[in-house]
Amino acid sequence: MAELRCPVCNEVVDTQRTPAMPFCSRRCKQIDLGRWLNEDYGLPFEPEDEADRKNESSESDEEE
């Protein structure tokens, strides 16, 4: 069996007994959810280049 660790508390998780995979407990699962809802976590985002947005808006203005 591969060793799996809880992403919140870093405890070793018994995959056959945990009620909240991949977490070690429901408590850690709730902590993780709270972090997502408070925006402590996020997905990477790269803003568009402003020049690209200006070109797109001027092209759409010309088409109208």
PDB file of N, CA and C in Angstrom:
ATOM      1  N   MET A   1       0.845  -1.181   0.000  1.00  0.00           N
ATOM      2  CA  MET A   1       0.000   0.000   0.000  1.00  0.00           C
ATOM      3  C   MET A   1       0.886   1.239   0.000  1.00  0.00           C
ATOM      4  N   ALA A   2       0.566   2.191  -0.860  1.00  0.00           N
ATOM      5  CA  ALA A   2       1.308   3.448  -0.915  1.00  0.00           C
ATOM      6  C   ALA A   2       0.914   4.313   0.282  1.00  0.00           C
ATOM      7  N   GLU A   3       1.892   5.021   0.795  1.00  0.00           N
ATOM      8  CA  GLU A   3       1.625   5.893   1.937  1.00  0.00           C
ATOM      9  C   GLU A   3       0.912   7.150   1.445  1.00  0.00           C
ATOM     10  N   LEU A   4      -0.219   7.429   2.030  1.00  0.00           N
ATOM     11  CA  LEU A   4      -1.005   8.599   1.670  1.00  0.00           C
ATOM     12  C   LEU A   4      -1.083   9.489   2.901  1.00  0.00           C
ATOM     13  N   ARG A   5      -0.819  10.782   2.716  1.00  0.00           N
ATOM     14  CA  ARG A   5      -0.857  11.721   3.835  1.00  0.00           C
ATOM     15  C   ARG A   5      -1.999  12.713   3.650  1.00  0.00           C
ATOM     16  N   CYS A   6      -2.605  13.078   4.770  1.00  0.00           N
ATOM     17  CA  CYS A   6      -3.688  14.054   4.776  1.00  0.00           C
ATOM     18  C   CYS A   6      -3.119  15.405   4.338  1.00  0.00           C
ATOM     19  N   PRO A   7      -3.765  16.071   3.384  1.00  0.00           N
ATOM     20  CA  PRO A   7      -3.245  17.347   2.897  1.00  0.00           C
ATOM     21  C   PRO A   7      -3.364  18.485   3.916  1.00  0.00           C
ATOM     22  N   VAL A   8      -4.136  18.307   4.980  1.00  0.00           N
ATOM     23  CA  VAL A   8      -4.312  19.357   5.983  1.00  0.00           C
ATOM     24  C   VAL A   8      -3.334  19.187   7.142  1.00  0.00           C
ATOM     25  N   CYS A   9      -3.318  17.998   7.754  1.00  0.00           N
ATOM     26  CA  CYS A   9      -2.509  17.803   8.963  1.00  0.00           C
ATOM     27  C   CYS A   9      -1.277  16.936   8.747  1.00  0.00           C
ATOM     28  N   ASN A  10      -1.146  16.369   7.570  1.00  0.00           N
ATOM     29  CA  ASN A  10       0.016  15.553   7.187  1.00  0.00           C
ATOM     30  C   ASN A  10       0.096  14.214   7.927  1.00  0.00           C
ATOM     31  N   GLU A  11      -0.998  13.772   8.534  1.00  0.00           N
ATOM     32  CA  GLU A  11      -1.049  12.452   9.172  1.00  0.00           C
ATOM     33  C   GLU A  11      -1.123  11.375   8.095  1.00  0.00           C
ATOM     34  N   VAL A  12      -0.624  10.192   8.395  1.00  0.00           N
ATOM     35  CA  VAL A  12      -0.750   9.066   7.474  1.00  0.00           C
ATOM     36  C   VAL A  12      -2.216   8.634   7.463  1.00  0.00           C
ATOM     37  N   VAL A  13      -2.764   8.429   6.266  1.00  0.00           N
ATOM     38  CA  VAL A  13      -4.180   8.085   6.106  1.00  0.00           C
ATOM     39  C   VAL A  13      -4.313   6.601   5.813  1.00  0.00           C
ATOM     40  N   ASP A  14      -5.175   5.916   6.573  1.00  0.00           N
ATOM     41  CA  ASP A  14      -5.519   4.528   6.293  1.00  0.00           C
ATOM     42  C   ASP A  14      -6.680   4.554   5.305  1.00  0.00           C
ATOM     43  N   THR A  15      -6.409   4.245   4.064  1.00  0.00           N
ATOM     44  CA  THR A  15      -7.413   4.365   3.008  1.00  0.00           C
ATOM     45  C   THR A  15      -8.608   3.431   3.207  1.00  0.00           C
ATOM     46  N   GLN A  16      -8.443   2.383   3.997  1.00  0.00           N
ATOM     47  CA  GLN A  16      -9.544   1.440   4.239  1.00  0.00           C
ATOM     48  C   GLN A  16     -10.475   1.922   5.358  1.00  0.00           C
ATOM     49  N   ARG A  17     -10.008   2.843   6.205  1.00  0.00           N
ATOM     50  CA  ARG A  17     -10.804   3.227   7.375  1.00  0.00           C
ATOM     51  C   ARG A  17     -11.257   4.681   7.393  1.00  0.00           C
ATOM     52  N   THR A  18     -10.672   5.533   6.593  1.00  0.00           N
ATOM     53  CA  THR A  18     -11.037   6.943   6.656  1.00  0.00           C
ATOM     54  C   THR A  18     -12.418   7.192   6.052  1.00  0.00           C
ATOM     55  N   PRO A  19     -13.235   8.029   6.703  1.00  0.00           N
ATOM     56  CA  PRO A  19     -14.546   8.338   6.157  1.00  0.00           C
ATOM     57  C   PRO A  19     -14.515   9.499   5.162  1.00  0.00           C
ATOM     58  N   ALA A  20     -13.346  10.079   4.955  1.00  0.00           N
ATOM     59  CA  ALA A  20     -13.288  11.319   4.170  1.00  0.00           C
ATOM     60  C   ALA A  20     -12.056  11.373   3.283  1.00  0.00           C
ATOM     61  N   MET A  21     -11.886  10.419   2.406  1.00  0.00           N
ATOM     62  CA  MET A  21     -10.715  10.402   1.509  1.00  0.00           C
ATOM     63  C   MET A  21     -10.574  11.713   0.772  1.00  0.00           C
ATOM     64  N   PRO A  22      -9.456  12.266   0.558  1.00  0.00           N
ATOM     65  CA  PRO A  22      -8.112  11.843   0.930  1.00  0.00           C
ATOM     66  C   PRO A  22      -7.680  12.369   2.296  1.00  0.00           C
ATOM     67  N   PHE A  23      -8.627  12.829   3.086  1.00  0.00           N
ATOM     68  CA  PHE A  23      -8.320  13.383   4.401  1.00  0.00           C
ATOM     69  C   PHE A  23      -8.366  12.289   5.454  1.00  0.00           C
ATOM     70  N   CYS A  24      -7.731  12.560   6.597  1.00  0.00           N
ATOM     71  CA  CYS A  24      -7.703  11.561   7.664  1.00  0.00           C
ATOM     72  C   CYS A  24      -8.996  11.558   8.463  1.00  0.00           C
ATOM     73  N   SER A  25      -9.747  12.661   8.428  1.00  0.00           N
ATOM     74  CA  SER A  25     -10.984  12.759   9.204  1.00  0.00           C
ATOM     75  C   SER A  25     -11.930  13.763   8.556  1.00  0.00           C
ATOM     76  N   ARG A  26     -13.162  13.752   9.052  1.00  0.00           N
ATOM     77  CA  ARG A  26     -14.138  14.740   8.562  1.00  0.00           C
ATOM     78  C   ARG A  26     -13.721  16.151   8.983  1.00  0.00           C
ATOM     79  N   ARG A  27     -13.068  16.258  10.131  1.00  0.00           N
ATOM     80  CA  ARG A  27     -12.604  17.568  10.607  1.00  0.00           C
ATOM     81  C   ARG A  27     -11.636  18.182   9.602  1.00  0.00           C
ATOM     82  N   CYS A  28     -10.652  17.427   9.139  1.00  0.00           N
ATOM     83  CA  CYS A  28      -9.685  17.931   8.163  1.00  0.00           C
ATOM     84  C   CYS A  28     -10.372  18.264   6.845  1.00  0.00           C
ATOM     85  N   LYS A  29     -11.385  17.482   6.492  1.00  0.00           N
ATOM     86  CA  LYS A  29     -12.142  17.757   5.268  1.00  0.00           C
ATOM     87  C   LYS A  29     -12.848  19.108   5.385  1.00  0.00           C
ATOM     88  N   GLN A  30     -13.436  19.399   6.549  1.00  0.00           N
ATOM     89  CA  GLN A  30     -14.114  20.671   6.772  1.00  0.00           C
ATOM     90  C   GLN A  30     -13.130  21.842   6.787  1.00  0.00           C
ATOM     91  N   ILE A  31     -11.961  21.634   7.368  1.00  0.00           N
ATOM     92  CA  ILE A  31     -10.930  22.680   7.377  1.00  0.00           C
ATOM     93  C   ILE A  31     -10.538  23.028   5.952  1.00  0.00           C
ATOM     94  N   ASP A  32     -10.342  22.019   5.121  1.00  0.00           N
ATOM     95  CA  ASP A  32      -9.967  22.235   3.727  1.00  0.00           C
ATOM     96  C   ASP A  32     -11.070  22.985   2.983  1.00  0.00           C
ATOM     97  N   LEU A  33     -12.317  22.596   3.192  1.00  0.00           N
ATOM     98  CA  LEU A  33     -13.440  23.282   2.552  1.00  0.00           C
ATOM     99  C   LEU A  33     -13.479  24.747   2.975  1.00  0.00           C
ATOM    100  N   GLY A  34     -13.272  25.006   4.258  1.00  0.00           N
ATOM    101  CA  GLY A  34     -13.254  26.377   4.748  1.00  0.00           C
ATOM    102  C   GLY A  34     -12.167  27.202   4.097  1.00  0.00           C
ATOM    103  N   ARG A  35     -11.030  26.601   3.860  1.00  0.00           N
ATOM    104  CA  ARG A  35      -9.933  27.318   3.194  1.00  0.00           C
ATOM    105  C   ARG A  35     -10.305  27.688   1.769  1.00  0.00           C
ATOM    106  N   TRP A  36     -10.989  26.792   1.062  1.00  0.00           N
ATOM    107  CA  TRP A  36     -11.436  27.102  -0.302  1.00  0.00           C
ATOM    108  C   TRP A  36     -12.464  28.221  -0.277  1.00  0.00           C
ATOM    109  N   LEU A  37     -13.420  28.140   0.649  1.00  0.00           N
ATOM    110  CA  LEU A  37     -14.484  29.139   0.710  1.00  0.00           C
ATOM    111  C   LEU A  37     -13.968  30.511   1.137  1.00  0.00           C
ATOM    112  N   ASN A  38     -12.927  30.544   1.954  1.00  0.00           N
ATOM    113  CA  ASN A  38     -12.315  31.815   2.369  1.00  0.00           C
ATOM    114  C   ASN A  38     -11.307  32.330   1.352  1.00  0.00           C
ATOM    115  N   GLU A  39     -11.175  31.599   0.247  1.00  0.00           N
ATOM    116  CA  GLU A  39     -10.243  31.930  -0.832  1.00  0.00           C
ATOM    117  C   GLU A  39      -8.783  31.926  -0.382  1.00  0.00           C
ATOM    118  N   ASP A  40      -8.479  31.064   0.618  1.00  0.00           N
ATOM    119  CA  ASP A  40      -7.083  30.852   0.996  1.00  0.00           C
ATOM    120  C   ASP A  40      -6.375  30.054  -0.093  1.00  0.00           C
ATOM    121  N   TYR A  41      -7.136  29.218  -0.784  1.00  0.00           N
ATOM    122  CA  TYR A  41      -6.632  28.465  -1.924  1.00  0.00           C
ATOM    123  C   TYR A  41      -7.202  29.110  -3.183  1.00  0.00           C
ATOM    124  N   GLY A  42      -6.558  28.854  -4.289  1.00  0.00           N
ATOM    125  CA  GLY A  42      -7.087  29.334  -5.555  1.00  0.00           C
ATOM    126  C   GLY A  42      -6.387  28.642  -6.702  1.00  0.00           C
ATOM    127  N   LEU A  43      -6.978  28.744  -7.844  1.00  0.00           N
ATOM    128  CA  LEU A  43      -6.380  28.183  -9.044  1.00  0.00           C
ATOM    129  C   LEU A  43      -5.518  29.247  -9.712  1.00  0.00           C
ATOM    130  N   PRO A  44      -4.430  28.845 -10.336  1.00  0.00           N
ATOM    131  CA  PRO A  44      -3.569  29.835 -10.993  1.00  0.00           C
ATOM    132  C   PRO A  44      -4.313  30.552 -12.115  1.00  0.00           C
ATOM    133  N   PHE A  45      -4.027  31.830 -12.237  1.00  0.00           N
ATOM    134  CA  PHE A  45      -4.693  32.647 -13.243  1.00  0.00           C
ATOM    135  C   PHE A  45      -3.687  33.630 -13.809  1.00  0.00           C
ATOM    136  N   GLU A  46      -3.580  33.670 -15.102  1.00  0.00           N
ATOM    137  CA  GLU A  46      -2.718  34.639 -15.757  1.00  0.00           C
ATOM    138  C   GLU A  46      -3.608  35.626 -16.499  1.00  0.00           C
ATOM    139  N   PRO A  47      -3.582  36.899 -16.088  1.00  0.00           N
ATOM    140  CA  PRO A  47      -4.429  37.876 -16.763  1.00  0.00           C
ATOM    141  C   PRO A  47      -4.024  38.042 -18.221  1.00  0.00           C
ATOM    142  N   GLU A  48      -4.995  38.394 -19.022  1.00  0.00           N
ATOM    143  CA  GLU A  48      -4.727  38.618 -20.432  1.00  0.00           C
ATOM    144  C   GLU A  48      -3.865  39.865 -20.584  1.00  0.00           C
ATOM    145  N   ASP A  49      -3.148  39.927 -21.655  1.00  0.00           N
ATOM    146  CA  ASP A  49      -2.353  41.102 -21.960  1.00  0.00           C
ATOM    147  C   ASP A  49      -3.297  42.237 -22.343  1.00  0.00           C
ATOM    148  N   GLU A  50      -3.076  43.443 -21.784  1.00  0.00           N
ATOM    149  CA  GLU A  50      -3.973  44.569 -22.065  1.00  0.00           C
ATOM    150  C   GLU A  50      -3.995  44.927 -23.550  1.00  0.00           C
ATOM    151  N   ALA A  51      -2.870  44.794 -24.221  1.00  0.00           N
ATOM    152  CA  ALA A  51      -2.821  45.110 -25.650  1.00  0.00           C
ATOM    153  C   ALA A  51      -3.749  44.184 -26.430  1.00  0.00           C
ATOM    154  N   ASP A  52      -3.802  42.910 -26.044  1.00  0.00           N
ATOM    155  CA  ASP A  52      -4.690  41.966 -26.713  1.00  0.00           C
ATOM    156  C   ASP A  52      -6.148  42.363 -26.524  1.00  0.00           C
ATOM    157  N   ARG A  53      -6.513  42.790 -25.326  1.00  0.00           N
ATOM    158  CA  ARG A  53      -7.897  43.194 -25.073  1.00  0.00           C
ATOM    159  C   ARG A  53      -8.259  44.439 -25.869  1.00  0.00           C
ATOM    160  N   LYS A  54      -7.336  45.394 -25.965  1.00  0.00           N
ATOM    161  CA  LYS A  54      -7.609  46.617 -26.720  1.00  0.00           C
ATOM    162  C   LYS A  54      -7.799  46.302 -28.200  1.00  0.00           C
ATOM    163  N   ASN A  55      -6.976  45.391 -28.741  1.00  0.00           N
ATOM    164  CA  ASN A  55      -7.106  45.001 -30.152  1.00  0.00           C
ATOM    165  C   ASN A  55      -8.444  44.326 -30.409  1.00  0.00           C
ATOM    166  N   GLU A  56      -8.879  43.467 -29.499  1.00  0.00           N
ATOM    167  CA  GLU A  56     -10.154  42.781 -29.681  1.00  0.00           C
ATOM    168  C   GLU A  56     -11.312  43.771 -29.629  1.00  0.00           C
ATOM    169  N   SER A  57     -11.269  44.718 -28.712  1.00  0.00           N
ATOM    170  CA  SER A  57     -12.376  45.667 -28.606  1.00  0.00           C
ATOM    171  C   SER A  57     -12.402  46.616 -29.799  1.00  0.00           C
ATOM    172  N   SER A  58     -11.243  47.024 -30.326  1.00  0.00           N
ATOM    173  CA  SER A  58     -11.246  47.906 -31.489  1.00  0.00           C
ATOM    174  C   SER A  58     -11.699  47.169 -32.739  1.00  0.00           C
ATOM    175  N   GLU A  59     -11.398  45.889 -32.859  1.00  0.00           N
ATOM    176  CA  GLU A  59     -11.867  45.100 -33.994  1.00  0.00           C
ATOM    177  C   GLU A  59     -13.385  44.942 -33.949  1.00  0.00           C
ATOM    178  N   SER A  60     -13.941  44.725 -32.767  1.00  0.00           N
ATOM    179  CA  SER A  60     -15.386  44.564 -32.672  1.00  0.00           C
ATOM    180  C   SER A  60     -16.087  45.890 -32.935  1.00  0.00           C
ATOM    181  N   ASP A  61     -15.466  47.015 -32.571  1.00  0.00           N
ATOM    182  CA  ASP A  61     -16.049  48.336 -32.855  1.00  0.00           C
ATOM    183  C   ASP A  61     -16.102  48.595 -34.357  1.00  0.00           C
ATOM    184  N   GLU A  62     -15.063  48.164 -35.086  1.00  0.00           N
ATOM    185  CA  GLU A  62     -15.005  48.364 -36.540  1.00  0.00           C
ATOM    186  C   GLU A  62     -16.050  47.545 -37.271  1.00  0.00           C
ATOM    187  N   GLU A  63     -16.386  46.357 -36.731  1.00  0.00           N
ATOM    188  CA  GLU A  63     -17.350  45.477 -37.369  1.00  0.00           C
ATOM    189  C   GLU A  63     -18.767  46.019 -37.250  1.00  0.00           C
ATOM    190  N   GLU A  64     -19.052  46.833 -36.261  1.00  0.00           N
ATOM    191  CA  GLU A  64     -20.403  47.337 -36.045  1.00  0.00           C
ATOM    192  C   GLU A  64     -20.718  48.427 -36.944  1.00  0.00           C
TER     193      GLU A  64
END
